[in-house]
């Protein structure tokens, strides 16, 4: 692989990552929720404070898929497996 091709590929990857970050940031900003942080990576005291906070109480952050999902499920009070169980049990009871 030539040097020019490597540079083009690296520039393309960087552009794609920037696009994804900006799109996610815009989506979170449009949410207008007071518990949203636009910082993807934190350092120092802010990082220590976030790590000492239970995951359900941390702010939503772009690209933090696992934490954001846990918070959404906690706020809704149910999980997808619970919903699937309810759906299958209600459909089986209606068949009887």
C-alpha atoms as a PDB file:
ATOM      1  CA  UNK A   1       0.000   0.000   0.000  1.00  0.00           C
ATOM      2  CA  UNK A   2       1.477   3.326  -0.980  1.00  0.00           C
ATOM      3  CA  UNK A   3       1.885   6.269   1.374  1.00  0.00           C
ATOM      4  CA  UNK A   4      -0.679   8.377  -0.489  1.00  0.00           C
ATOM      5  CA  UNK A   5      -3.275   5.622  -0.227  1.00  0.00           C
ATOM      6  CA  UNK A   6      -2.666   5.285   3.503  1.00  0.00           C
ATOM      7  CA  UNK A   7      -3.123   9.022   3.970  1.00  0.00           C
ATOM      8  CA  UNK A   8      -6.364   9.014   1.953  1.00  0.00           C
ATOM      9  CA  UNK A   9      -7.703   6.065   3.948  1.00  0.00           C
ATOM     10  CA  UNK A  10      -6.799   7.728   7.261  1.00  0.00           C
ATOM     11  CA  UNK A  11      -8.455  10.985   6.153  1.00  0.00           C
ATOM     12  CA  UNK A  12     -11.599   9.076   5.134  1.00  0.00           C
ATOM     13  CA  UNK A  13     -11.776   7.276   8.482  1.00  0.00           C
ATOM     14  CA  UNK A  14     -11.256  10.554  10.368  1.00  0.00           C
ATOM     15  CA  UNK A  15     -13.995  12.247   8.330  1.00  0.00           C
ATOM     16  CA  UNK A  16     -16.397   9.374   8.974  1.00  0.00           C
ATOM     17  CA  UNK A  17     -15.715   9.418  12.725  1.00  0.00           C
ATOM     18  CA  UNK A  18     -16.208  13.181  12.856  1.00  0.00           C
ATOM     19  CA  UNK A  19     -19.479  12.877  10.965  1.00  0.00           C
ATOM     20  CA  UNK A  20     -20.778  10.211  13.357  1.00  0.00           C
ATOM     21  CA  UNK A  21     -19.747  12.275  16.384  1.00  0.00           C
ATOM     22  CA  UNK A  22     -21.409  15.424  15.082  1.00  0.00           C
ATOM     23  CA  UNK A  23     -24.583  13.553  14.148  1.00  0.00           C
ATOM     24  CA  UNK A  24     -24.790  11.976  17.598  1.00  0.00           C
ATOM     25  CA  UNK A  25     -24.093  15.322  19.255  1.00  0.00           C
ATOM     26  CA  UNK A  26     -26.868  16.983  17.257  1.00  0.00           C
ATOM     27  CA  UNK A  27     -29.305  14.227  18.206  1.00  0.00           C
ATOM     28  CA  UNK A  28     -28.503  14.592  21.881  1.00  0.00           C
ATOM     29  CA  UNK A  29     -28.689  18.380  21.706  1.00  0.00           C
ATOM     30  CA  UNK A  30     -32.113  18.147  20.053  1.00  0.00           C
ATOM     31  CA  UNK A  31     -33.280  15.993  22.965  1.00  0.00           C
ATOM     32  CA  UNK A  32     -33.266  19.132  25.183  1.00  0.00           C
ATOM     33  CA  UNK A  33     -33.032  16.964  28.260  1.00  0.00           C
ATOM     34  CA  UNK A  34     -31.279  18.598  31.207  1.00  0.00           C
ATOM     35  CA  UNK A  35     -29.364  15.390  31.946  1.00  0.00           C
ATOM     36  CA  UNK A  36     -27.286  15.342  28.740  1.00  0.00           C
ATOM     37  CA  UNK A  37     -23.544  15.883  28.582  1.00  0.00           C
ATOM     38  CA  UNK A  38     -21.889  16.602  25.252  1.00  0.00           C
ATOM     39  CA  UNK A  39     -18.501  15.398  26.507  1.00  0.00           C
ATOM     40  CA  UNK A  40     -17.698  12.020  25.000  1.00  0.00           C
ATOM     41  CA  UNK A  41     -14.418  11.585  26.886  1.00  0.00           C
ATOM     42  CA  UNK A  42     -13.816  13.099  30.308  1.00  0.00           C
ATOM     43  CA  UNK A  43     -10.594  13.669  32.242  1.00  0.00           C
ATOM     44  CA  UNK A  44      -9.460  14.513  35.758  1.00  0.00           C
ATOM     45  CA  UNK A  45     -11.985  15.369  38.436  1.00  0.00           C
ATOM     46  CA  UNK A  46     -14.928  15.134  36.054  1.00  0.00           C
ATOM     47  CA  UNK A  47     -13.968  11.543  35.168  1.00  0.00           C
ATOM     48  CA  UNK A  48     -13.582  10.577  38.830  1.00  0.00           C
ATOM     49  CA  UNK A  49     -16.939  12.138  39.648  1.00  0.00           C
ATOM     50  CA  UNK A  50     -18.652  10.242  36.794  1.00  0.00           C
ATOM     51  CA  UNK A  51     -17.055   6.947  37.794  1.00  0.00           C
ATOM     52  CA  UNK A  52     -18.207   7.339  41.404  1.00  0.00           C
ATOM     53  CA  UNK A  53     -21.799   8.036  40.289  1.00  0.00           C
ATOM     54  CA  UNK A  54     -24.093   5.012  39.731  1.00  0.00           C
ATOM     55  CA  UNK A  55     -24.566   4.381  35.999  1.00  0.00           C
ATOM     56  CA  UNK A  56     -28.322   4.994  36.223  1.00  0.00           C
ATOM     57  CA  UNK A  57     -27.715   8.546  37.513  1.00  0.00           C
ATOM     58  CA  UNK A  58     -24.988   9.607  35.072  1.00  0.00           C
ATOM     59  CA  UNK A  59     -25.868  12.016  32.236  1.00  0.00           C
ATOM     60  CA  UNK A  60     -26.583  10.723  28.736  1.00  0.00           C
ATOM     61  CA  UNK A  61     -23.470  11.016  26.559  1.00  0.00           C
ATOM     62  CA  UNK A  62     -22.976  10.597  22.798  1.00  0.00           C
ATOM     63  CA  UNK A  63     -21.497   7.243  21.728  1.00  0.00           C
ATOM     64  CA  UNK A  64     -21.899   5.736  25.229  1.00  0.00           C
ATOM     65  CA  UNK A  65     -24.343   3.118  23.983  1.00  0.00           C
ATOM     66  CA  UNK A  66     -24.287   0.734  26.951  1.00  0.00           C
ATOM     67  CA  UNK A  67     -24.681   3.398  29.637  1.00  0.00           C
ATOM     68  CA  UNK A  68     -27.352   5.267  27.708  1.00  0.00           C
ATOM     69  CA  UNK A  69     -29.322   2.048  27.218  1.00  0.00           C
ATOM     70  CA  UNK A  70     -29.101   1.155  30.901  1.00  0.00           C
ATOM     71  CA  UNK A  71     -30.339   4.637  31.814  1.00  0.00           C
ATOM     72  CA  UNK A  72     -33.222   4.457  29.318  1.00  0.00           C
ATOM     73  CA  UNK A  73     -34.318   1.071  30.642  1.00  0.00           C
ATOM     74  CA  UNK A  74     -34.047   2.278  34.217  1.00  0.00           C
ATOM     75  CA  UNK A  75     -36.094   5.392  33.447  1.00  0.00           C
ATOM     76  CA  UNK A  76     -38.769   3.372  31.655  1.00  0.00           C
ATOM     77  CA  UNK A  77     -38.878   0.809  34.432  1.00  0.00           C
ATOM     78  CA  UNK A  78     -38.786  -2.247  32.179  1.00  0.00           C
ATOM     79  CA  UNK A  79     -36.375  -4.218  30.046  1.00  0.00           C
ATOM     80  CA  UNK A  80     -36.805  -5.613  26.565  1.00  0.00           C
ATOM     81  CA  UNK A  81     -36.741  -9.196  27.919  1.00  0.00           C
ATOM     82  CA  UNK A  82     -39.587  -8.318  30.307  1.00  0.00           C
ATOM     83  CA  UNK A  83     -41.572  -6.850  27.440  1.00  0.00           C
ATOM     84  CA  UNK A  84     -40.945  -9.946  25.315  1.00  0.00           C
ATOM     85  CA  UNK A  85     -42.136 -12.179  28.159  1.00  0.00           C
ATOM     86  CA  UNK A  86     -45.258 -10.099  28.633  1.00  0.00           C
ATOM     87  CA  UNK A  87     -46.003 -10.180  24.907  1.00  0.00           C
ATOM     88  CA  UNK A  88     -45.540 -13.931  24.582  1.00  0.00           C
ATOM     89  CA  UNK A  89     -47.556 -14.694  27.738  1.00  0.00           C
ATOM     90  CA  UNK A  90     -50.402 -12.406  26.692  1.00  0.00           C
ATOM     91  CA  UNK A  91     -50.522 -13.914  23.217  1.00  0.00           C
ATOM     92  CA  UNK A  92     -50.509 -17.458  24.590  1.00  0.00           C
ATOM     93  CA  UNK A  93     -53.313 -16.648  27.037  1.00  0.00           C
ATOM     94  CA  UNK A  94     -55.413 -15.170  24.240  1.00  0.00           C
ATOM     95  CA  UNK A  95     -55.066 -18.397  22.257  1.00  0.00           C
ATOM     96  CA  UNK A  96     -56.693 -20.461  24.995  1.00  0.00           C
END
